[in-house]
Amino acid sequence: MVLVSMLAVVSVVLFGCTNGGGGGSAPSSVSVDESSSGQQVEIASGGTLTVTLESNQTTGFQWELKSVGDTSVLQSQGGTYNAPDSEMVGAGGEEVWTFKALKPGTSSLSMEYSQPWEGGTKAAKSFDLTVVVK
């Protein structure tokens, strides 16, 4: 029962009130991860979107923001790498990117996991999201 309640809370935090009924307001803070790629989220104007993606800097890979569809609606605040809690050699961490919802509208964001140097592997993984700012 506790697990079901926790899942319900996580669903609301991750996806907001997107029942299509128009009864609720969009959340001011939304957090997503790789499982949200290809989906749509709603956020309140003035709110913060946090994107957390698995990353392993020991392999030379990093996430790169390829595009933000409408920068007047959604603006990148940058990203940071959080090293793993593990002391295991080669363990991966995560990159956390934040975006500010500036005004109502729809924007998209696209990211790629690549080795940034010439000849490095490009687009080993991708992350795409549609963001509706209310």
C-alpha atoms as a PDB file:
ATOM      1  CA  MET A   1       0.000   0.000   0.000  1.00  0.00           C
ATOM      2  CA  VAL A   2       2.847   2.357   0.853  1.00  0.00           C
ATOM      3  CA  LEU A   3       4.536   1.489  -2.451  1.00  0.00           C
ATOM      4  CA  VAL A   4       1.366   2.318  -4.399  1.00  0.00           C
ATOM      5  CA  SER A   5       1.119   5.673  -2.623  1.00  0.00           C
ATOM      6  CA  MET A   6       4.763   6.452  -3.352  1.00  0.00           C
ATOM      7  CA  LEU A   7       4.299   5.572  -7.037  1.00  0.00           C
ATOM      8  CA  ALA A   8       1.289   7.875  -7.249  1.00  0.00           C
ATOM      9  CA  VAL A   9       3.294  10.776  -5.774  1.00  0.00           C
ATOM     10  CA  VAL A  10       6.210  10.136  -8.146  1.00  0.00           C
ATOM     11  CA  SER A  11       3.830  10.078 -11.120  1.00  0.00           C
ATOM     12  CA  VAL A  12       2.374  13.437 -10.166  1.00  0.00           C
ATOM     13  CA  VAL A  13       5.824  14.966  -9.665  1.00  0.00           C
ATOM     14  CA  LEU A  14       7.194  13.593 -12.946  1.00  0.00           C
ATOM     15  CA  PHE A  15       4.214  14.173 -15.189  1.00  0.00           C
ATOM     16  CA  GLY A  16       2.124  16.839 -13.483  1.00  0.00           C
ATOM     17  CA  CYS A  17      -1.634  16.917 -13.835  1.00  0.00           C
ATOM     18  CA  THR A  18      -1.968  15.955 -17.479  1.00  0.00           C
ATOM     19  CA  ASN A  19      -5.401  14.400 -17.417  1.00  0.00           C
ATOM     20  CA  GLY A  20      -6.600  16.670 -20.201  1.00  0.00           C
ATOM     21  CA  GLY A  21      -9.481  17.927 -18.085  1.00  0.00           C
ATOM     22  CA  GLY A  22      -7.999  21.345 -17.472  1.00  0.00           C
ATOM     23  CA  GLY A  23      -8.889  21.193 -13.771  1.00  0.00           C
ATOM     24  CA  GLY A  24      -5.423  21.419 -12.223  1.00  0.00           C
ATOM     25  CA  SER A  25      -2.491  23.718 -12.578  1.00  0.00           C
ATOM     26  CA  ALA A  26       0.930  22.723 -13.854  1.00  0.00           C
ATOM     27  CA  PRO A  27       3.622  22.052 -11.229  1.00  0.00           C
ATOM     28  CA  SER A  28       6.321  24.677 -10.669  1.00  0.00           C
ATOM     29  CA  SER A  29       9.041  22.037 -10.447  1.00  0.00           C
ATOM     30  CA  VAL A  30       9.341  18.975 -12.693  1.00  0.00           C
ATOM     31  CA  SER A  31      12.069  16.316 -12.595  1.00  0.00           C
ATOM     32  CA  VAL A  32      12.594  13.787 -15.380  1.00  0.00           C
ATOM     33  CA  ASP A  33      15.151  11.143 -16.329  1.00  0.00           C
ATOM     34  CA  GLU A  34      15.985   9.036 -19.395  1.00  0.00           C
ATOM     35  CA  SER A  35      12.701   7.126 -19.090  1.00  0.00           C
ATOM     36  CA  SER A  36      10.869  10.358 -20.034  1.00  0.00           C
ATOM     37  CA  SER A  37      12.592  10.660 -23.419  1.00  0.00           C
ATOM     38  CA  GLY A  38      10.082  11.128 -26.232  1.00  0.00           C
ATOM     39  CA  GLN A  39       7.354  12.280 -23.843  1.00  0.00           C
ATOM     40  CA  GLN A  40       5.680  15.581 -22.992  1.00  0.00           C
ATOM     41  CA  VAL A  41       5.676  17.315 -19.619  1.00  0.00           C
ATOM     42  CA  GLU A  42       3.831  20.359 -18.311  1.00  0.00           C
ATOM     43  CA  ILE A  43       5.318  22.995 -16.056  1.00  0.00           C
ATOM     44  CA  ALA A  44       4.157  26.332 -14.711  1.00  0.00           C
ATOM     45  CA  SER A  45       5.604  29.544 -16.119  1.00  0.00           C
ATOM     46  CA  GLY A  46       8.502  30.573 -13.894  1.00  0.00           C
ATOM     47  CA  GLY A  47       9.110  26.960 -12.887  1.00  0.00           C
ATOM     48  CA  THR A  48      12.192  24.772 -13.109  1.00  0.00           C
ATOM     49  CA  LEU A  49      12.656  21.602 -15.137  1.00  0.00           C
ATOM     50  CA  THR A  50      15.391  19.239 -13.934  1.00  0.00           C
ATOM     51  CA  VAL A  51      16.722  16.560 -16.297  1.00  0.00           C
ATOM     52  CA  THR A  52      18.873  13.844 -14.694  1.00  0.00           C
ATOM     53  CA  LEU A  53      20.741  11.542 -17.086  1.00  0.00           C
ATOM     54  CA  GLU A  54      23.156   8.696 -16.392  1.00  0.00           C
ATOM     55  CA  SER A  55      26.686   9.617 -17.416  1.00  0.00           C
ATOM     56  CA  ASN A  56      30.173   8.175 -17.075  1.00  0.00           C
ATOM     57  CA  GLN A  57      32.975  10.671 -17.581  1.00  0.00           C
ATOM     58  CA  THR A  58      35.615   7.934 -17.273  1.00  0.00           C
ATOM     59  CA  THR A  59      34.559   6.756 -20.764  1.00  0.00           C
ATOM     60  CA  GLY A  60      34.868  10.229 -22.242  1.00  0.00           C
ATOM     61  CA  PHE A  61      31.137  10.492 -22.876  1.00  0.00           C
ATOM     62  CA  GLN A  62      29.084  13.484 -21.818  1.00  0.00           C
ATOM     63  CA  TRP A  63      25.620  14.881 -22.517  1.00  0.00           C
ATOM     64  CA  GLU A  64      25.442  17.805 -24.920  1.00  0.00           C
ATOM     65  CA  LEU A  65      22.440  20.073 -25.322  1.00  0.00           C
ATOM     66  CA  LYS A  66      21.795  19.988 -29.076  1.00  0.00           C
ATOM     67  CA  SER A  67      18.802  22.315 -29.175  1.00  0.00           C
ATOM     68  CA  VAL A  68      16.031  24.081 -27.320  1.00  0.00           C
ATOM     69  CA  GLY A  69      13.096  24.589 -29.674  1.00  0.00           C
ATOM     70  CA  ASP A  70      11.868  27.979 -28.458  1.00  0.00           C
ATOM     71  CA  THR A  71      14.321  29.765 -26.179  1.00  0.00           C
ATOM     72  CA  SER A  72      11.746  32.445 -25.395  1.00  0.00           C
ATOM     73  CA  VAL A  73       9.687  29.707 -23.660  1.00  0.00           C
ATOM     74  CA  LEU A  74      12.416  27.467 -22.187  1.00  0.00           C
ATOM     75  CA  GLN A  75      15.971  28.468 -21.301  1.00  0.00           C
ATOM     76  CA  SER A  76      18.889  26.231 -20.300  1.00  0.00           C
ATOM     77  CA  GLN A  77      20.535  27.027 -16.983  1.00  0.00           C
ATOM     78  CA  GLY A  78      23.360  24.557 -17.707  1.00  0.00           C
ATOM     79  CA  GLY A  79      24.357  21.177 -16.408  1.00  0.00           C
ATOM     80  CA  THR A  80      26.639  19.648 -13.802  1.00  0.00           C
ATOM     81  CA  TYR A  81      28.222  16.222 -13.383  1.00  0.00           C
ATOM     82  CA  ASN A  82      27.642  14.374 -10.122  1.00  0.00           C
ATOM     83  CA  ALA A  83      30.325  11.758  -9.524  1.00  0.00           C
ATOM     84  CA  PRO A  84      29.214   8.290  -8.398  1.00  0.00           C
ATOM     85  CA  ASP A  85      28.897   7.435  -4.702  1.00  0.00           C
ATOM     86  CA  SER A  86      30.804   4.240  -5.436  1.00  0.00           C
ATOM     87  CA  GLU A  87      34.573   3.929  -5.135  1.00  0.00           C
ATOM     88  CA  MET A  88      34.524   1.280  -7.878  1.00  0.00           C
ATOM     89  CA  VAL A  89      36.863   2.186 -10.739  1.00  0.00           C
ATOM     90  CA  GLY A  90      34.852   3.152 -13.825  1.00  0.00           C
ATOM     91  CA  ALA A  91      31.554   3.612 -11.981  1.00  0.00           C
ATOM     92  CA  GLY A  92      29.192   6.053 -13.631  1.00  0.00           C
ATOM     93  CA  GLY A  93      27.561   9.124 -12.190  1.00  0.00           C
ATOM     94  CA  GLU A  94      24.897  11.443 -13.550  1.00  0.00           C
ATOM     95  CA  GLU A  95      24.515  14.773 -15.255  1.00  0.00           C
ATOM     96  CA  VAL A  96      21.848  17.120 -13.956  1.00  0.00           C
ATOM     97  CA  TRP A  97      20.592  19.821 -16.332  1.00  0.00           C
ATOM     98  CA  THR A  98      18.191  22.587 -15.331  1.00  0.00           C
ATOM     99  CA  PHE A  99      15.873  24.650 -17.495  1.00  0.00           C
ATOM    100  CA  LYS A 100      13.785  27.711 -16.648  1.00  0.00           C
ATOM    101  CA  ALA A 101      10.210  27.972 -17.947  1.00  0.00           C
ATOM    102  CA  LEU A 102      10.028  31.606 -19.030  1.00  0.00           C
ATOM    103  CA  LYS A 103       6.512  32.074 -20.418  1.00  0.00           C
ATOM    104  CA  PRO A 104       3.510  30.024 -21.598  1.00  0.00           C
ATOM    105  CA  GLY A 105       4.077  28.100 -24.798  1.00  0.00           C
ATOM    106  CA  THR A 106       5.579  24.886 -26.102  1.00  0.00           C
ATOM    107  CA  SER A 107       9.232  24.108 -26.597  1.00  0.00           C
ATOM    108  CA  SER A 108      11.354  21.046 -27.112  1.00  0.00           C
ATOM    109  CA  LEU A 109      14.781  20.032 -25.989  1.00  0.00           C
ATOM    110  CA  SER A 110      17.188  17.585 -27.563  1.00  0.00           C
ATOM    111  CA  MET A 111      20.364  16.151 -26.036  1.00  0.00           C
ATOM    112  CA  GLU A 112      22.990  13.647 -27.174  1.00  0.00           C
ATOM    113  CA  TYR A 113      25.448  11.483 -25.248  1.00  0.00           C
ATOM    114  CA  SER A 114      28.728  11.654 -27.166  1.00  0.00           C
ATOM    115  CA  GLN A 115      32.492  11.799 -26.930  1.00  0.00           C
ATOM    116  CA  PRO A 116      33.096  15.445 -27.870  1.00  0.00           C
ATOM    117  CA  TRP A 117      36.487  15.149 -29.537  1.00  0.00           C
ATOM    118  CA  GLU A 118      37.092  14.704 -33.251  1.00  0.00           C
ATOM    119  CA  GLY A 119      36.727  11.019 -34.089  1.00  0.00           C
ATOM    120  CA  GLY A 120      34.861  10.287 -30.839  1.00  0.00           C
ATOM    121  CA  THR A 121      31.588   8.358 -30.827  1.00  0.00           C
ATOM    122  CA  LYS A 122      28.620  10.643 -31.521  1.00  0.00           C
ATOM    123  CA  ALA A 123      25.001  10.207 -30.411  1.00  0.00           C
ATOM    124  CA  ALA A 124      25.476   6.931 -28.515  1.00  0.00           C
ATOM    125  CA  LYS A 125      22.217   7.873 -26.744  1.00  0.00           C
ATOM    126  CA  SER A 126      19.730  10.671 -27.177  1.00  0.00           C
ATOM    127  CA  PHE A 127      17.150  12.416 -25.006  1.00  0.00           C
ATOM    128  CA  ASP A 128      14.217  14.383 -26.414  1.00  0.00           C
ATOM    129  CA  LEU A 129      11.413  16.077 -24.511  1.00  0.00           C
ATOM    130  CA  THR A 130       8.470  18.330 -25.333  1.00  0.00           C
ATOM    131  CA  VAL A 131       7.803  20.922 -22.647  1.00  0.00           C
ATOM    132  CA  VAL A 132       4.468  22.709 -22.345  1.00  0.00           C
ATOM    133  CA  VAL A 133       4.690  25.805 -20.164  1.00  0.00           C
ATOM    134  CA  LYS A 134       1.334  26.864 -18.685  1.00  0.00           C
END
